[in-house]
Amino acid sequence: MNPHILENAATYVNAYRNGMSRRGVTADAATLRGHVVRLFGAVYAAILVP
């Protein structure tokens, strides 16, 4: 596992959640997981998205 990719994926997840909360919408875990899987891979999605 590459720590740099993990850090980028974590930054992406936090930015996604912060953006959704600024809009007053709850972040859908399935949608977020799909984005992370597509961009970073399933392992990173399993670690970062509960």
PDB file of N, CA and C in Angstrom:
ATOM      1  N   MET A   1       0.848  -1.168   0.000  1.00  0.00           N
ATOM      2  CA  MET A   1       0.000   0.000   0.000  1.00  0.00           C
ATOM      3  C   MET A   1       0.897   1.235   0.000  1.00  0.00           C
ATOM      4  N   ASN A   2       0.587   2.136  -0.881  1.00  0.00           N
ATOM      5  CA  ASN A   2       1.364   3.357  -1.021  1.00  0.00           C
ATOM      6  C   ASN A   2       0.824   4.434  -0.071  1.00  0.00           C
ATOM      7  N   PRO A   3       1.639   4.935   0.848  1.00  0.00           N
ATOM      8  CA  PRO A   3       1.146   5.931   1.807  1.00  0.00           C
ATOM      9  C   PRO A   3       0.760   7.251   1.144  1.00  0.00           C
ATOM     10  N   HIS A   4       1.373   7.572   0.025  1.00  0.00           N
ATOM     11  CA  HIS A   4       1.036   8.810  -0.673  1.00  0.00           C
ATOM     12  C   HIS A   4      -0.356   8.726  -1.299  1.00  0.00           C
ATOM     13  N   ILE A   5      -0.668   7.579  -1.864  1.00  0.00           N
ATOM     14  CA  ILE A   5      -2.005   7.386  -2.434  1.00  0.00           C
ATOM     15  C   ILE A   5      -3.042   7.376  -1.323  1.00  0.00           C
ATOM     16  N   LEU A   6      -2.713   6.746  -0.193  1.00  0.00           N
ATOM     17  CA  LEU A   6      -3.628   6.730   0.938  1.00  0.00           C
ATOM     18  C   LEU A   6      -3.901   8.153   1.429  1.00  0.00           C
ATOM     19  N   GLU A   7      -2.874   8.965   1.502  1.00  0.00           N
ATOM     20  CA  GLU A   7      -3.054  10.358   1.927  1.00  0.00           C
ATOM     21  C   GLU A   7      -3.911  11.139   0.929  1.00  0.00           C
ATOM     22  N   ASN A   8      -3.679  10.930  -0.359  1.00  0.00           N
ATOM     23  CA  ASN A   8      -4.494  11.605  -1.380  1.00  0.00           C
ATOM     24  C   ASN A   8      -5.949  11.151  -1.309  1.00  0.00           C
ATOM     25  N   ALA A   9      -6.155   9.865  -1.104  1.00  0.00           N
ATOM     26  CA  ALA A   9      -7.518   9.347  -1.002  1.00  0.00           C
ATOM     27  C   ALA A   9      -8.216   9.907   0.238  1.00  0.00           C
ATOM     28  N   ALA A  10      -7.501   9.990   1.352  1.00  0.00           N
ATOM     29  CA  ALA A  10      -8.079  10.544   2.576  1.00  0.00           C
ATOM     30  C   ALA A  10      -8.429  12.018   2.389  1.00  0.00           C
ATOM     31  N   THR A  11      -7.577  12.752   1.710  1.00  0.00           N
ATOM     32  CA  THR A  11      -7.851  14.161   1.417  1.00  0.00           C
ATOM     33  C   THR A  11      -9.093  14.290   0.552  1.00  0.00           C
ATOM     34  N   TYR A  12      -9.227  13.411  -0.439  1.00  0.00           N
ATOM     35  CA  TYR A  12     -10.397  13.428  -1.312  1.00  0.00           C
ATOM     36  C   TYR A  12     -11.674  13.149  -0.520  1.00  0.00           C
ATOM     37  N   VAL A  13     -11.624  12.136   0.343  1.00  0.00           N
ATOM     38  CA  VAL A  13     -12.797  11.773   1.147  1.00  0.00           C
ATOM     39  C   VAL A  13     -13.200  12.928   2.056  1.00  0.00           C
ATOM     40  N   ASN A  14     -12.221  13.552   2.703  1.00  0.00           N
ATOM     41  CA  ASN A  14     -12.530  14.677   3.592  1.00  0.00           C
ATOM     42  C   ASN A  14     -13.102  15.854   2.817  1.00  0.00           C
ATOM     43  N   ALA A  15     -12.543  16.147   1.660  1.00  0.00           N
ATOM     44  CA  ALA A  15     -13.050  17.250   0.848  1.00  0.00           C
ATOM     45  C   ALA A  15     -14.472  16.963   0.372  1.00  0.00           C
ATOM     46  N   TYR A  16     -14.743  15.729   0.001  1.00  0.00           N
ATOM     47  CA  TYR A  16     -16.086  15.348  -0.439  1.00  0.00           C
ATOM     48  C   TYR A  16     -17.091  15.531   0.693  1.00  0.00           C
ATOM     49  N   ARG A  17     -16.728  15.024   1.880  1.00  0.00           N
ATOM     50  CA  ARG A  17     -17.636  15.142   3.026  1.00  0.00           C
ATOM     51  C   ARG A  17     -17.835  16.599   3.433  1.00  0.00           C
ATOM     52  N   ASN A  18     -16.766  17.391   3.432  1.00  0.00           N
ATOM     53  CA  ASN A  18     -16.886  18.805   3.783  1.00  0.00           C
ATOM     54  C   ASN A  18     -17.747  19.556   2.779  1.00  0.00           C
ATOM     55  N   GLY A  19     -17.583  19.258   1.508  1.00  0.00           N
ATOM     56  CA  GLY A  19     -18.393  19.897   0.480  1.00  0.00           C
ATOM     57  C   GLY A  19     -19.868  19.562   0.623  1.00  0.00           C
ATOM     58  N   MET A  20     -20.151  18.321   0.946  1.00  0.00           N
ATOM     59  CA  MET A  20     -21.543  17.923   1.130  1.00  0.00           C
ATOM     60  C   MET A  20     -22.145  18.589   2.362  1.00  0.00           C
ATOM     61  N   SER A  21     -21.373  18.695   3.438  1.00  0.00           N
ATOM     62  CA  SER A  21     -21.909  19.316   4.650  1.00  0.00           C
ATOM     63  C   SER A  21     -22.108  20.818   4.455  1.00  0.00           C
ATOM     64  N   ARG A  22     -21.257  21.463   3.655  1.00  0.00           N
ATOM     65  CA  ARG A  22     -21.449  22.885   3.356  1.00  0.00           C
ATOM     66  C   ARG A  22     -22.748  23.124   2.596  1.00  0.00           C
ATOM     67  N   ARG A  23     -23.118  22.152   1.776  1.00  0.00           N
ATOM     68  CA  ARG A  23     -24.371  22.265   1.021  1.00  0.00           C
ATOM     69  C   ARG A  23     -25.575  21.852   1.848  1.00  0.00           C
ATOM     70  N   GLY A  24     -25.343  21.310   3.040  1.00  0.00           N
ATOM     71  CA  GLY A  24     -26.430  20.872   3.903  1.00  0.00           C
ATOM     72  C   GLY A  24     -26.992  19.522   3.524  1.00  0.00           C
ATOM     73  N   VAL A  25     -26.200  18.715   2.828  1.00  0.00           N
ATOM     74  CA  VAL A  25     -26.620  17.397   2.374  1.00  0.00           C
ATOM     75  C   VAL A  25     -25.740  16.355   3.062  1.00  0.00           C
ATOM     76  N   THR A  26     -26.333  15.249   3.469  1.00  0.00           N
ATOM     77  CA  THR A  26     -25.514  14.193   4.059  1.00  0.00           C
ATOM     78  C   THR A  26     -24.808  13.417   2.949  1.00  0.00           C
ATOM     79  N   ALA A  27     -23.582  13.056   3.212  1.00  0.00           N
ATOM     80  CA  ALA A  27     -22.790  12.316   2.232  1.00  0.00           C
ATOM     81  C   ALA A  27     -23.257  10.869   2.188  1.00  0.00           C
ATOM     82  N   ASP A  28     -23.621  10.402   1.021  1.00  0.00           N
ATOM     83  CA  ASP A  28     -24.054   9.025   0.831  1.00  0.00           C
ATOM     84  C   ASP A  28     -22.818   8.132   0.755  1.00  0.00           C
ATOM     85  N   ALA A  29     -22.716   7.165   1.657  1.00  0.00           N
ATOM     86  CA  ALA A  29     -21.530   6.311   1.736  1.00  0.00           C
ATOM     87  C   ALA A  29     -21.337   5.495   0.461  1.00  0.00           C
ATOM     88  N   ALA A  30     -22.409   5.025  -0.138  1.00  0.00           N
ATOM     89  CA  ALA A  30     -22.286   4.204  -1.351  1.00  0.00           C
ATOM     90  C   ALA A  30     -21.735   5.023  -2.516  1.00  0.00           C
ATOM     91  N   THR A  31     -22.200   6.251  -2.646  1.00  0.00           N
ATOM     92  CA  THR A  31     -21.703   7.115  -3.718  1.00  0.00           C
ATOM     93  C   THR A  31     -20.242   7.462  -3.488  1.00  0.00           C
ATOM     94  N   LEU A  32     -19.912   7.822  -2.258  1.00  0.00           N
ATOM     95  CA  LEU A  32     -18.527   8.153  -1.930  1.00  0.00           C
ATOM     96  C   LEU A  32     -17.618   6.952  -2.156  1.00  0.00           C
ATOM     97  N   ARG A  33     -18.064   5.774  -1.731  1.00  0.00           N
ATOM     98  CA  ARG A  33     -17.272   4.558  -1.937  1.00  0.00           C
ATOM     99  C   ARG A  33     -17.041   4.314  -3.421  1.00  0.00           C
ATOM    100  N   GLY A  34     -18.062   4.539  -4.236  1.00  0.00           N
ATOM    101  CA  GLY A  34     -17.920   4.371  -5.683  1.00  0.00           C
ATOM    102  C   GLY A  34     -16.896   5.313  -6.279  1.00  0.00           C
ATOM    103  N   HIS A  35     -16.897   6.565  -5.822  1.00  0.00           N
ATOM    104  CA  HIS A  35     -15.906   7.531  -6.302  1.00  0.00           C
ATOM    105  C   HIS A  35     -14.490   7.098  -5.908  1.00  0.00           C
ATOM    106  N   VAL A  36     -14.326   6.684  -4.659  1.00  0.00           N
ATOM    107  CA  VAL A  36     -12.995   6.294  -4.178  1.00  0.00           C
ATOM    108  C   VAL A  36     -12.517   5.034  -4.899  1.00  0.00           C
ATOM    109  N   VAL A  37     -13.409   4.077  -5.119  1.00  0.00           N
ATOM    110  CA  VAL A  37     -13.029   2.861  -5.852  1.00  0.00           C
ATOM    111  C   VAL A  37     -12.577   3.214  -7.259  1.00  0.00           C
ATOM    112  N   ARG A  38     -13.321   4.075  -7.922  1.00  0.00           N
ATOM    113  CA  ARG A  38     -12.985   4.445  -9.300  1.00  0.00           C
ATOM    114  C   ARG A  38     -11.655   5.190  -9.371  1.00  0.00           C
ATOM    115  N   LEU A  39     -11.405   6.078  -8.410  1.00  0.00           N
ATOM    116  CA  LEU A  39     -10.206   6.908  -8.462  1.00  0.00           C
ATOM    117  C   LEU A  39      -8.974   6.261  -7.836  1.00  0.00           C
ATOM    118  N   PHE A  40      -9.157   5.504  -6.746  1.00  0.00           N
ATOM    119  CA  PHE A  40      -8.005   5.024  -5.990  1.00  0.00           C
ATOM    120  C   PHE A  40      -7.950   3.506  -5.824  1.00  0.00           C
ATOM    121  N   GLY A  41      -9.064   2.824  -5.942  1.00  0.00           N
ATOM    122  CA  GLY A  41      -9.071   1.374  -5.802  1.00  0.00           C
ATOM    123  C   GLY A  41      -9.900   0.918  -4.611  1.00  0.00           C
ATOM    124  N   ALA A  42     -10.286  -0.336  -4.645  1.00  0.00           N
ATOM    125  CA  ALA A  42     -11.196  -0.895  -3.646  1.00  0.00           C
ATOM    126  C   ALA A  42     -10.564  -0.983  -2.258  1.00  0.00           C
ATOM    127  N   VAL A  43      -9.267  -1.223  -2.175  1.00  0.00           N
ATOM    128  CA  VAL A  43      -8.606  -1.344  -0.880  1.00  0.00           C
ATOM    129  C   VAL A  43      -8.695  -0.020  -0.121  1.00  0.00           C
ATOM    130  N   TYR A  44      -8.438   1.065  -0.823  1.00  0.00           N
ATOM    131  CA  TYR A  44      -8.482   2.384  -0.188  1.00  0.00           C
ATOM    132  C   TYR A  44      -9.910   2.740   0.205  1.00  0.00           C
ATOM    133  N   ALA A  45     -10.872   2.358  -0.607  1.00  0.00           N
ATOM    134  CA  ALA A  45     -12.278   2.604  -0.268  1.00  0.00           C
ATOM    135  C   ALA A  45     -12.674   1.830   0.981  1.00  0.00           C
ATOM    136  N   ALA A  46     -12.204   0.593   1.091  1.00  0.00           N
ATOM    137  CA  ALA A  46     -12.536  -0.213   2.273  1.00  0.00           C
ATOM    138  C   ALA A  46     -11.939   0.382   3.540  1.00  0.00           C
ATOM    139  N   ILE A  47     -10.778   1.001   3.412  1.00  0.00           N
ATOM    140  CA  ILE A  47     -10.133   1.602   4.581  1.00  0.00           C
ATOM    141  C   ILE A  47     -10.799   2.921   4.983  1.00  0.00           C
ATOM    142  N   LEU A  48     -11.147   3.732   4.006  1.00  0.00           N
ATOM    143  CA  LEU A  48     -11.566   5.112   4.296  1.00  0.00           C
ATOM    144  C   LEU A  48     -13.056   5.351   4.407  1.00  0.00           C
ATOM    145  N   VAL A  49     -13.857   4.515   3.774  1.00  0.00           N
ATOM    146  CA  VAL A  49     -15.308   4.748   3.774  1.00  0.00           C
ATOM    147  C   VAL A  49     -15.979   3.649   4.594  1.00  0.00           C
ATOM    148  N   PRO A  50     -16.541   4.016   5.741  1.00  0.00           N
ATOM    149  CA  PRO A  50     -17.170   2.992   6.589  1.00  0.00           C
ATOM    150  C   PRO A  50     -18.449   2.440   5.991  1.00  0.00           C
TER     151      PRO A  50
END
